Each structure stands twice: as structure tokens, then as C-alpha cells.
């Protein structure tokens, strides 16, 4: 069970880094109601199921200054772009 919780935590951390990198404020989206708790859980679950975590970590490390969009393989690309445009 502990390994499962670590994977969820790592996915949530990765997702937070991605949101910051592409200029999406997940906290504001939650506060404004454009993203609900179930939507956030679904996004974390999509991230957790991703097979590109190593590539994602590398991409995040090389885009620390920011990026216009997540990489094409990101399972949450539509969510990140939709929430960013809603700001």
C-alpha cells in the first residue's frame, strides 16, 4: 500500500510541476470552480497511469523556465490548456 501512495504522490507532484511550467494555476481553478475535486483526482489518475514518467521528468527539468504547452504525450494536455485559457 505504501508504494501505491508514493506513486500517487509522485504523480501529483509531477502534475503540479507541469501546471506551473505551462502557466496553469490549479489552485485558482479549484477556487474558481473551473476544476472540481473529482476532476483533479481524475487528472492525477491519468498522470499516474502514464508510461512516459521518465520522459516527463526530463522534459520538466529542461523546461524549468516555462513552456507554451505540455509535451504531446501528456495525458492531461487538454486539461492544462483549457484551464490556462480560462484564466
PDB file of N, CA and C in Angstrom:
ATOM      1  N   UNK A   1       0.818  -1.193   0.000  1.00  0.00           N
ATOM      2  CA  UNK A   1       0.000   0.000   0.000  1.00  0.00           C
ATOM      3  C   UNK A   1       0.862   1.258   0.000  1.00  0.00           C
ATOM      4  N   UNK A   2       1.978   1.242   0.663  1.00  0.00           N
ATOM      5  CA  UNK A   2       2.838   2.408   0.721  1.00  0.00           C
ATOM      6  C   UNK A   2       3.375   2.767  -0.664  1.00  0.00           C
ATOM      7  N   UNK A   3       3.732   1.779  -1.467  1.00  0.00           N
ATOM      8  CA  UNK A   3       4.226   2.038  -2.820  1.00  0.00           C
ATOM      9  C   UNK A   3       3.150   2.718  -3.657  1.00  0.00           C
ATOM     10  N   UNK A   4       1.920   2.306  -3.522  1.00  0.00           N
ATOM     11  CA  UNK A   4       0.798   2.903  -4.234  1.00  0.00           C
ATOM     12  C   UNK A   4       0.635   4.373  -3.857  1.00  0.00           C
ATOM     13  N   UNK A   5       0.744   4.663  -2.579  1.00  0.00           N
ATOM     14  CA  UNK A   5       0.624   6.044  -2.105  1.00  0.00           C
ATOM     15  C   UNK A   5       1.788   6.890  -2.611  1.00  0.00           C
ATOM     16  N   UNK A   6       2.959   6.320  -2.690  1.00  0.00           N
ATOM     17  CA  UNK A   6       4.113   7.057  -3.228  1.00  0.00           C
ATOM     18  C   UNK A   6       3.914   7.387  -4.696  1.00  0.00           C
ATOM     19  N   UNK A   7       3.328   6.445  -5.453  1.00  0.00           N
ATOM     20  CA  UNK A   7       3.060   6.698  -6.879  1.00  0.00           C
ATOM     21  C   UNK A   7       2.048   7.827  -7.043  1.00  0.00           C
ATOM     22  N   UNK A   8       1.033   7.847  -6.207  1.00  0.00           N
ATOM     23  CA  UNK A   8       0.042   8.923  -6.266  1.00  0.00           C
ATOM     24  C   UNK A   8       0.706  10.254  -5.938  1.00  0.00           C
ATOM     25  N   UNK A   9       1.517  10.255  -4.909  1.00  0.00           N
ATOM     26  CA  UNK A   9       2.212  11.479  -4.515  1.00  0.00           C
ATOM     27  C   UNK A   9       3.151  11.963  -5.623  1.00  0.00           C
ATOM     28  N   UNK A  10       3.882  11.038  -6.228  1.00  0.00           N
ATOM     29  CA  UNK A  10       4.797  11.411  -7.313  1.00  0.00           C
ATOM     30  C   UNK A  10       4.020  11.964  -8.503  1.00  0.00           C
ATOM     31  N   UNK A  11       2.879  11.367  -8.807  1.00  0.00           N
ATOM     32  CA  UNK A  11       2.057  11.857  -9.920  1.00  0.00           C
ATOM     33  C   UNK A  11       1.499  13.238  -9.613  1.00  0.00           C
ATOM     34  N   UNK A  12       1.050  13.446  -8.399  1.00  0.00           N
ATOM     35  CA  UNK A  12       0.533  14.760  -8.012  1.00  0.00           C
ATOM     36  C   UNK A  12       1.638  15.809  -8.085  1.00  0.00           C
ATOM     37  N   UNK A  13       2.837  15.469  -7.632  1.00  0.00           N
ATOM     38  CA  UNK A  13       3.968  16.387  -7.710  1.00  0.00           C
ATOM     39  C   UNK A  13       4.316  16.704  -9.165  1.00  0.00           C
ATOM     40  N   UNK A  14       4.370  15.680  -9.996  1.00  0.00           N
ATOM     41  CA  UNK A  14       4.692  15.850 -11.410  1.00  0.00           C
ATOM     42  C   UNK A  14       3.637  16.729 -12.081  1.00  0.00           C
ATOM     43  N   UNK A  15       2.381  16.476 -11.748  1.00  0.00           N
ATOM     44  CA  UNK A  15       1.301  17.260 -12.324  1.00  0.00           C
ATOM     45  C   UNK A  15       1.402  18.728 -11.902  1.00  0.00           C
ATOM     46  N   UNK A  16       1.733  18.961 -10.661  1.00  0.00           N
ATOM     47  CA  UNK A  16       1.916  20.330 -10.181  1.00  0.00           C
ATOM     48  C   UNK A  16       3.055  21.027 -10.893  1.00  0.00           C
ATOM     49  N   UNK A  17       4.150  20.310 -11.109  1.00  0.00           N
ATOM     50  CA  UNK A  17       5.276  20.884 -11.852  1.00  0.00           C
ATOM     51  C   UNK A  17       4.878  21.214 -13.280  1.00  0.00           C
ATOM     52  N   UNK A  18       4.113  20.316 -13.910  1.00  0.00           N
ATOM     53  CA  UNK A  18       3.682  20.546 -15.280  1.00  0.00           C
ATOM     54  C   UNK A  18       2.776  21.765 -15.348  1.00  0.00           C
ATOM     55  N   UNK A  19       1.833  21.857 -14.424  1.00  0.00           N
ATOM     56  CA  UNK A  19       0.923  23.004 -14.409  1.00  0.00           C
ATOM     57  C   UNK A  19       1.704  24.307 -14.285  1.00  0.00           C
ATOM     58  N   UNK A  20       2.648  24.348 -13.364  1.00  0.00           N
ATOM     59  CA  UNK A  20       3.458  25.547 -13.182  1.00  0.00           C
ATOM     60  C   UNK A  20       4.256  25.854 -14.445  1.00  0.00           C
ATOM     61  N   UNK A  21       4.844  24.833 -15.039  1.00  0.00           N
ATOM     62  CA  UNK A  21       5.680  25.017 -16.224  1.00  0.00           C
ATOM     63  C   UNK A  21       4.904  25.601 -17.393  1.00  0.00           C
ATOM     64  N   UNK A  22       3.653  25.189 -17.549  1.00  0.00           N
ATOM     65  CA  UNK A  22       2.870  25.676 -18.693  1.00  0.00           C
ATOM     66  C   UNK A  22       1.940  26.830 -18.316  1.00  0.00           C
ATOM     67  N   UNK A  23       2.063  27.340 -17.094  1.00  0.00           N
ATOM     68  CA  UNK A  23       1.302  28.519 -16.702  1.00  0.00           C
ATOM     69  C   UNK A  23      -0.148  28.265 -16.340  1.00  0.00           C
ATOM     70  N   UNK A  24      -0.438  27.084 -15.828  1.00  0.00           N
ATOM     71  CA  UNK A  24      -1.790  26.747 -15.394  1.00  0.00           C
ATOM     72  C   UNK A  24      -1.821  26.763 -13.872  1.00  0.00           C
ATOM     73  N   UNK A  25      -2.746  27.524 -13.314  1.00  0.00           N
ATOM     74  CA  UNK A  25      -2.863  27.626 -11.863  1.00  0.00           C
ATOM     75  C   UNK A  25      -3.975  26.694 -11.376  1.00  0.00           C
ATOM     76  N   UNK A  26      -3.594  25.495 -10.948  1.00  0.00           N
ATOM     77  CA  UNK A  26      -4.580  24.518 -10.497  1.00  0.00           C
ATOM     78  C   UNK A  26      -5.314  24.986  -9.244  1.00  0.00           C
ATOM     79  N   UNK A  27      -4.610  25.662  -8.357  1.00  0.00           N
ATOM     80  CA  UNK A  27      -5.244  26.176  -7.138  1.00  0.00           C
ATOM     81  C   UNK A  27      -6.334  27.177  -7.468  1.00  0.00           C
ATOM     82  N   UNK A  28      -6.056  28.092  -8.385  1.00  0.00           N
ATOM     83  CA  UNK A  28      -7.056  29.081  -8.793  1.00  0.00           C
ATOM     84  C   UNK A  28      -8.234  28.390  -9.477  1.00  0.00           C
ATOM     85  N   UNK A  29      -7.942  27.379 -10.294  1.00  0.00           N
ATOM     86  CA  UNK A  29      -9.013  26.643 -10.970  1.00  0.00           C
ATOM     87  C   UNK A  29      -9.926  25.958  -9.958  1.00  0.00           C
ATOM     88  N   UNK A  30      -9.346  25.426  -8.893  1.00  0.00           N
ATOM     89  CA  UNK A  30     -10.150  24.801  -7.836  1.00  0.00           C
ATOM     90  C   UNK A  30     -10.984  25.861  -7.110  1.00  0.00           C
ATOM     91  N   UNK A  31     -10.367  26.983  -6.785  1.00  0.00           N
ATOM     92  CA  UNK A  31     -11.073  28.056  -6.082  1.00  0.00           C
ATOM     93  C   UNK A  31     -12.201  28.634  -6.922  1.00  0.00           C
ATOM     94  N   UNK A  32     -11.978  28.784  -8.225  1.00  0.00           N
ATOM     95  CA  UNK A  32     -12.978  29.377  -9.119  1.00  0.00           C
ATOM     96  C   UNK A  32     -14.045  28.377  -9.534  1.00  0.00           C
ATOM     97  N   UNK A  33     -13.805  27.106  -9.276  1.00  0.00           N
ATOM     98  CA  UNK A  33     -14.772  26.082  -9.633  1.00  0.00           C
ATOM     99  C   UNK A  33     -14.658  25.585 -11.064  1.00  0.00           C
ATOM    100  N   UNK A  34     -13.624  26.026 -11.787  1.00  0.00           N
ATOM    101  CA  UNK A  34     -13.432  25.521 -13.148  1.00  0.00           C
ATOM    102  C   UNK A  34     -12.828  24.120 -13.128  1.00  0.00           C
ATOM    103  N   UNK A  35     -12.294  23.727 -11.991  1.00  0.00           N
ATOM    104  CA  UNK A  35     -11.803  22.371 -11.768  1.00  0.00           C
ATOM    105  C   UNK A  35     -12.326  21.930 -10.409  1.00  0.00           C
ATOM    106  N   UNK A  36     -13.032  20.829 -10.405  1.00  0.00           N
ATOM    107  CA  UNK A  36     -13.564  20.311  -9.148  1.00  0.00           C
ATOM    108  C   UNK A  36     -12.668  19.219  -8.587  1.00  0.00           C
ATOM    109  N   UNK A  37     -12.940  18.801  -7.358  1.00  0.00           N
ATOM    110  CA  UNK A  37     -12.134  17.748  -6.738  1.00  0.00           C
ATOM    111  C   UNK A  37     -12.099  16.461  -7.557  1.00  0.00           C
ATOM    112  N   UNK A  38     -13.215  16.074  -8.140  1.00  0.00           N
ATOM    113  CA  UNK A  38     -13.218  14.843  -8.931  1.00  0.00           C
ATOM    114  C   UNK A  38     -12.405  15.014 -10.207  1.00  0.00           C
ATOM    115  N   UNK A  39     -12.429  16.207 -10.783  1.00  0.00           N
ATOM    116  CA  UNK A  39     -11.601  16.482 -11.967  1.00  0.00           C
ATOM    117  C   UNK A  39     -10.122  16.420 -11.637  1.00  0.00           C
ATOM    118  N   UNK A  40      -9.754  16.932 -10.479  1.00  0.00           N
ATOM    119  CA  UNK A  40      -8.361  16.877 -10.046  1.00  0.00           C
ATOM    120  C   UNK A  40      -7.933  15.439  -9.793  1.00  0.00           C
ATOM    121  N   UNK A  41      -8.791  14.667  -9.133  1.00  0.00           N
ATOM    122  CA  UNK A  41      -8.473  13.253  -8.893  1.00  0.00           C
ATOM    123  C   UNK A  41      -8.305  12.503 -10.214  1.00  0.00           C
ATOM    124  N   UNK A  42      -9.175  12.794 -11.172  1.00  0.00           N
ATOM    125  CA  UNK A  42      -9.079  12.156 -12.479  1.00  0.00           C
ATOM    126  C   UNK A  42      -7.781  12.512 -13.188  1.00  0.00           C
ATOM    127  N   UNK A  43      -7.372  13.761 -13.075  1.00  0.00           N
ATOM    128  CA  UNK A  43      -6.120  14.200 -13.698  1.00  0.00           C
ATOM    129  C   UNK A  43      -4.925  13.499 -13.062  1.00  0.00           C
ATOM    130  N   UNK A  44      -4.941  13.385 -11.742  1.00  0.00           N
ATOM    131  CA  UNK A  44      -3.849  12.679 -11.057  1.00  0.00           C
ATOM    132  C   UNK A  44      -3.841  11.210 -11.474  1.00  0.00           C
ATOM    133  N   UNK A  45      -5.011  10.610 -11.597  1.00  0.00           N
ATOM    134  CA  UNK A  45      -5.089   9.207 -12.015  1.00  0.00           C
ATOM    135  C   UNK A  45      -4.565   9.034 -13.441  1.00  0.00           C
ATOM    136  N   UNK A  46      -4.892   9.979 -14.342  1.00  0.00           N
ATOM    137  CA  UNK A  46      -4.352   9.898 -15.708  1.00  0.00           C
ATOM    138  C   UNK A  46      -2.830  10.008 -15.675  1.00  0.00           C
ATOM    139  N   UNK A  47      -2.325  10.909 -14.878  1.00  0.00           N
ATOM    140  CA  UNK A  47      -0.871  11.075 -14.750  1.00  0.00           C
ATOM    141  C   UNK A  47      -0.247   9.805 -14.173  1.00  0.00           C
ATOM    142  N   UNK A  48      -0.894   9.239 -13.185  1.00  0.00           N
ATOM    143  CA  UNK A  48      -0.372   8.030 -12.548  1.00  0.00           C
ATOM    144  C   UNK A  48      -0.299   6.876 -13.537  1.00  0.00           C
ATOM    145  N   UNK A  49      -1.223   6.813 -14.474  1.00  0.00           N
ATOM    146  CA  UNK A  49      -1.243   5.738 -15.456  1.00  0.00           C
ATOM    147  C   UNK A  49      -0.331   5.960 -16.645  1.00  0.00           C
ATOM    148  N   UNK A  50       0.363   7.074 -16.681  1.00  0.00           N
ATOM    149  CA  UNK A  50       1.234   7.409 -17.806  1.00  0.00           C
ATOM    150  C   UNK A  50       2.463   6.493 -17.847  1.00  0.00           C
ATOM    151  N   UNK A  51       2.864   6.138 -19.052  1.00  0.00           N
ATOM    152  CA  UNK A  51       4.068   5.314 -19.228  1.00  0.00           C
ATOM    153  C   UNK A  51       5.285   6.153 -19.600  1.00  0.00           C
ATOM    154  N   UNK A  52       5.136   7.477 -19.603  1.00  0.00           N
ATOM    155  CA  UNK A  52       6.220   8.381 -20.015  1.00  0.00           C
ATOM    156  C   UNK A  52       6.775   9.194 -18.838  1.00  0.00           C
ATOM    157  N   UNK A  53       6.758   8.637 -17.636  1.00  0.00           N
ATOM    158  CA  UNK A  53       7.172   9.416 -16.472  1.00  0.00           C
ATOM    159  C   UNK A  53       8.634   9.852 -16.543  1.00  0.00           C
ATOM    160  N   UNK A  54       9.507   9.002 -17.028  1.00  0.00           N
ATOM    161  CA  UNK A  54      10.923   9.389 -17.139  1.00  0.00           C
ATOM    162  C   UNK A  54      11.088  10.511 -18.157  1.00  0.00           C
ATOM    163  N   UNK A  55      10.421  10.373 -19.300  1.00  0.00           N
ATOM    164  CA  UNK A  55      10.475  11.414 -20.322  1.00  0.00           C
ATOM    165  C   UNK A  55       9.873  12.713 -19.780  1.00  0.00           C
ATOM    166  N   UNK A  56       8.816  12.595 -19.021  1.00  0.00           N
ATOM    167  CA  UNK A  56       8.163  13.764 -18.440  1.00  0.00           C
ATOM    168  C   UNK A  56       9.099  14.473 -17.463  1.00  0.00           C
ATOM    169  N   UNK A  57       9.735  13.722 -16.595  1.00  0.00           N
ATOM    170  CA  UNK A  57      10.678  14.323 -15.647  1.00  0.00           C
ATOM    171  C   UNK A  57      11.803  15.045 -16.378  1.00  0.00           C
ATOM    172  N   UNK A  58      12.315  14.435 -17.427  1.00  0.00           N
ATOM    173  CA  UNK A  58      13.375  15.073 -18.217  1.00  0.00           C
ATOM    174  C   UNK A  58      12.850  16.332 -18.886  1.00  0.00           C
ATOM    175  N   UNK A  59      11.653  16.250 -19.472  1.00  0.00           N
ATOM    176  CA  UNK A  59      11.053  17.408 -20.138  1.00  0.00           C
ATOM    177  C   UNK A  59      10.867  18.540 -19.129  1.00  0.00           C
ATOM    178  N   UNK A  60      10.358  18.229 -17.954  1.00  0.00           N
ATOM    179  CA  UNK A  60      10.152  19.248 -16.924  1.00  0.00           C
ATOM    180  C   UNK A  60      11.479  19.883 -16.513  1.00  0.00           C
ATOM    181  N   UNK A  61      12.504  19.062 -16.354  1.00  0.00           N
ATOM    182  CA  UNK A  61      13.822  19.587 -15.976  1.00  0.00           C
ATOM    183  C   UNK A  61      14.382  20.521 -17.039  1.00  0.00           C
ATOM    184  N   UNK A  62      14.128  20.220 -18.303  1.00  0.00           N
ATOM    185  CA  UNK A  62      14.685  21.040 -19.383  1.00  0.00           C
ATOM    186  C   UNK A  62      13.787  22.228 -19.747  1.00  0.00           C
ATOM    187  N   UNK A  63      12.624  22.322 -19.134  1.00  0.00           N
ATOM    188  CA  UNK A  63      11.719  23.447 -19.393  1.00  0.00           C
ATOM    189  C   UNK A  63      11.401  24.200 -18.096  1.00  0.00           C
ATOM    190  N   UNK A  64      12.365  24.257 -17.212  1.00  0.00           N
ATOM    191  CA  UNK A  64      12.155  24.903 -15.917  1.00  0.00           C
ATOM    192  C   UNK A  64      11.764  26.373 -16.053  1.00  0.00           C
ATOM    193  N   UNK A  65      12.165  27.010 -17.144  1.00  0.00           N
ATOM    194  CA  UNK A  65      11.834  28.422 -17.359  1.00  0.00           C
ATOM    195  C   UNK A  65      10.422  28.608 -17.912  1.00  0.00           C
ATOM    196  N   UNK A  66       9.759  27.514 -18.258  1.00  0.00           N
ATOM    197  CA  UNK A  66       8.391  27.590 -18.757  1.00  0.00           C
ATOM    198  C   UNK A  66       8.263  27.043 -20.165  1.00  0.00           C
ATOM    199  N   UNK A  67       7.038  26.818 -20.565  1.00  0.00           N
ATOM    200  CA  UNK A  67       6.736  26.298 -21.901  1.00  0.00           C
ATOM    201  C   UNK A  67       5.317  26.712 -22.274  1.00  0.00           C
ATOM    202  N   UNK A  68       5.055  26.740 -23.569  1.00  0.00           N
ATOM    203  CA  UNK A  68       3.726  27.120 -24.056  1.00  0.00           C
ATOM    204  C   UNK A  68       2.693  26.022 -23.853  1.00  0.00           C
ATOM    205  N   UNK A  69       3.133  24.779 -23.875  1.00  0.00           N
ATOM    206  CA  UNK A  69       2.212  23.647 -23.764  1.00  0.00           C
ATOM    207  C   UNK A  69       2.970  22.434 -23.248  1.00  0.00           C
ATOM    208  N   UNK A  70       2.255  21.501 -22.654  1.00  0.00           N
ATOM    209  CA  UNK A  70       2.879  20.239 -22.244  1.00  0.00           C
ATOM    210  C   UNK A  70       3.320  19.450 -23.476  1.00  0.00           C
ATOM    211  N   UNK A  71       4.171  18.465 -23.293  1.00  0.00           N
ATOM    212  CA  UNK A  71       4.545  17.619 -24.429  1.00  0.00           C
ATOM    213  C   UNK A  71       3.322  16.854 -24.941  1.00  0.00           C
ATOM    214  N   UNK A  72       3.377  16.465 -26.186  1.00  0.00           N
ATOM    215  CA  UNK A  72       2.230  15.822 -26.847  1.00  0.00           C
ATOM    216  C   UNK A  72       1.768  14.555 -26.133  1.00  0.00           C
ATOM    217  N   UNK A  73       2.667  13.858 -25.453  1.00  0.00           N
ATOM    218  CA  UNK A  73       2.290  12.604 -24.792  1.00  0.00           C
ATOM    219  C   UNK A  73       1.593  12.820 -23.452  1.00  0.00           C
ATOM    220  N   UNK A  74       1.509  14.048 -22.985  1.00  0.00           N
ATOM    221  CA  UNK A  74       0.892  14.323 -21.678  1.00  0.00           C
ATOM    222  C   UNK A  74      -0.588  13.951 -21.716  1.00  0.00           C
ATOM    223  N   UNK A  75      -0.998  13.134 -20.795  1.00  0.00           N
ATOM    224  CA  UNK A  75      -2.397  12.688 -20.731  1.00  0.00           C
ATOM    225  C   UNK A  75      -3.340  13.784 -20.238  1.00  0.00           C
ATOM    226  N   UNK A  76      -2.785  14.872 -19.733  1.00  0.00           N
ATOM    227  CA  UNK A  76      -3.600  15.977 -19.244  1.00  0.00           C
ATOM    228  C   UNK A  76      -3.421  17.245 -20.077  1.00  0.00           C
ATOM    229  N   UNK A  77      -2.884  17.116 -21.276  1.00  0.00           N
ATOM    230  CA  UNK A  77      -2.618  18.294 -22.099  1.00  0.00           C
ATOM    231  C   UNK A  77      -3.877  19.135 -22.299  1.00  0.00           C
ATOM    232  N   UNK A  78      -4.985  18.504 -22.617  1.00  0.00           N
ATOM    233  CA  UNK A  78      -6.222  19.253 -22.854  1.00  0.00           C
ATOM    234  C   UNK A  78      -6.660  20.004 -21.599  1.00  0.00           C
ATOM    235  N   UNK A  79      -6.560  19.366 -20.459  1.00  0.00           N
ATOM    236  CA  UNK A  79      -6.947  19.998 -19.198  1.00  0.00           C
ATOM    237  C   UNK A  79      -6.068  21.209 -18.915  1.00  0.00           C
ATOM    238  N   UNK A  80      -4.762  21.043 -19.028  1.00  0.00           N
ATOM    239  CA  UNK A  80      -3.850  22.157 -18.750  1.00  0.00           C
ATOM    240  C   UNK A  80      -4.133  23.344 -19.666  1.00  0.00           C
ATOM    241  N   UNK A  81      -4.307  23.081 -20.961  1.00  0.00           N
ATOM    242  CA  UNK A  81      -4.542  24.169 -21.905  1.00  0.00           C
ATOM    243  C   UNK A  81      -5.906  24.804 -21.697  1.00  0.00           C
ATOM    244  N   UNK A  82      -6.914  23.993 -21.403  1.00  0.00           N
ATOM    245  CA  UNK A  82      -8.258  24.524 -21.157  1.00  0.00           C
ATOM    246  C   UNK A  82      -8.278  25.414 -19.908  1.00  0.00           C
ATOM    247  N   UNK A  83      -7.644  24.963 -18.851  1.00  0.00           N
ATOM    248  CA  UNK A  83      -7.645  25.745 -17.611  1.00  0.00           C
ATOM    249  C   UNK A  83      -6.825  27.024 -17.777  1.00  0.00           C
ATOM    250  N   UNK A  84      -5.762  26.956 -18.531  1.00  0.00           N
ATOM    251  CA  UNK A  84      -4.933  28.145 -18.740  1.00  0.00           C
ATOM    252  C   UNK A  84      -5.724  29.190 -19.517  1.00  0.00           C
ATOM    253  N   UNK A  85      -6.500  28.756 -20.506  1.00  0.00           N
ATOM    254  CA  UNK A  85      -7.263  29.713 -21.310  1.00  0.00           C
ATOM    255  C   UNK A  85      -8.452  30.280 -20.534  1.00  0.00           C
ATOM    256  N   UNK A  86      -8.853  29.589 -19.457  1.00  0.00           N
ATOM    257  CA  UNK A  86      -9.970  30.052 -18.650  1.00  0.00           C
ATOM    258  C   UNK A  86      -9.566  31.170 -17.680  1.00  0.00           C
ATOM    259  N   UNK A  87      -8.262  31.356 -17.485  1.00  0.00           N
ATOM    260  CA  UNK A  87      -7.785  32.387 -16.550  1.00  0.00           C
ATOM    261  C   UNK A  87      -8.111  33.777 -17.050  1.00  0.00           C
TER     262      UNK A  87
END
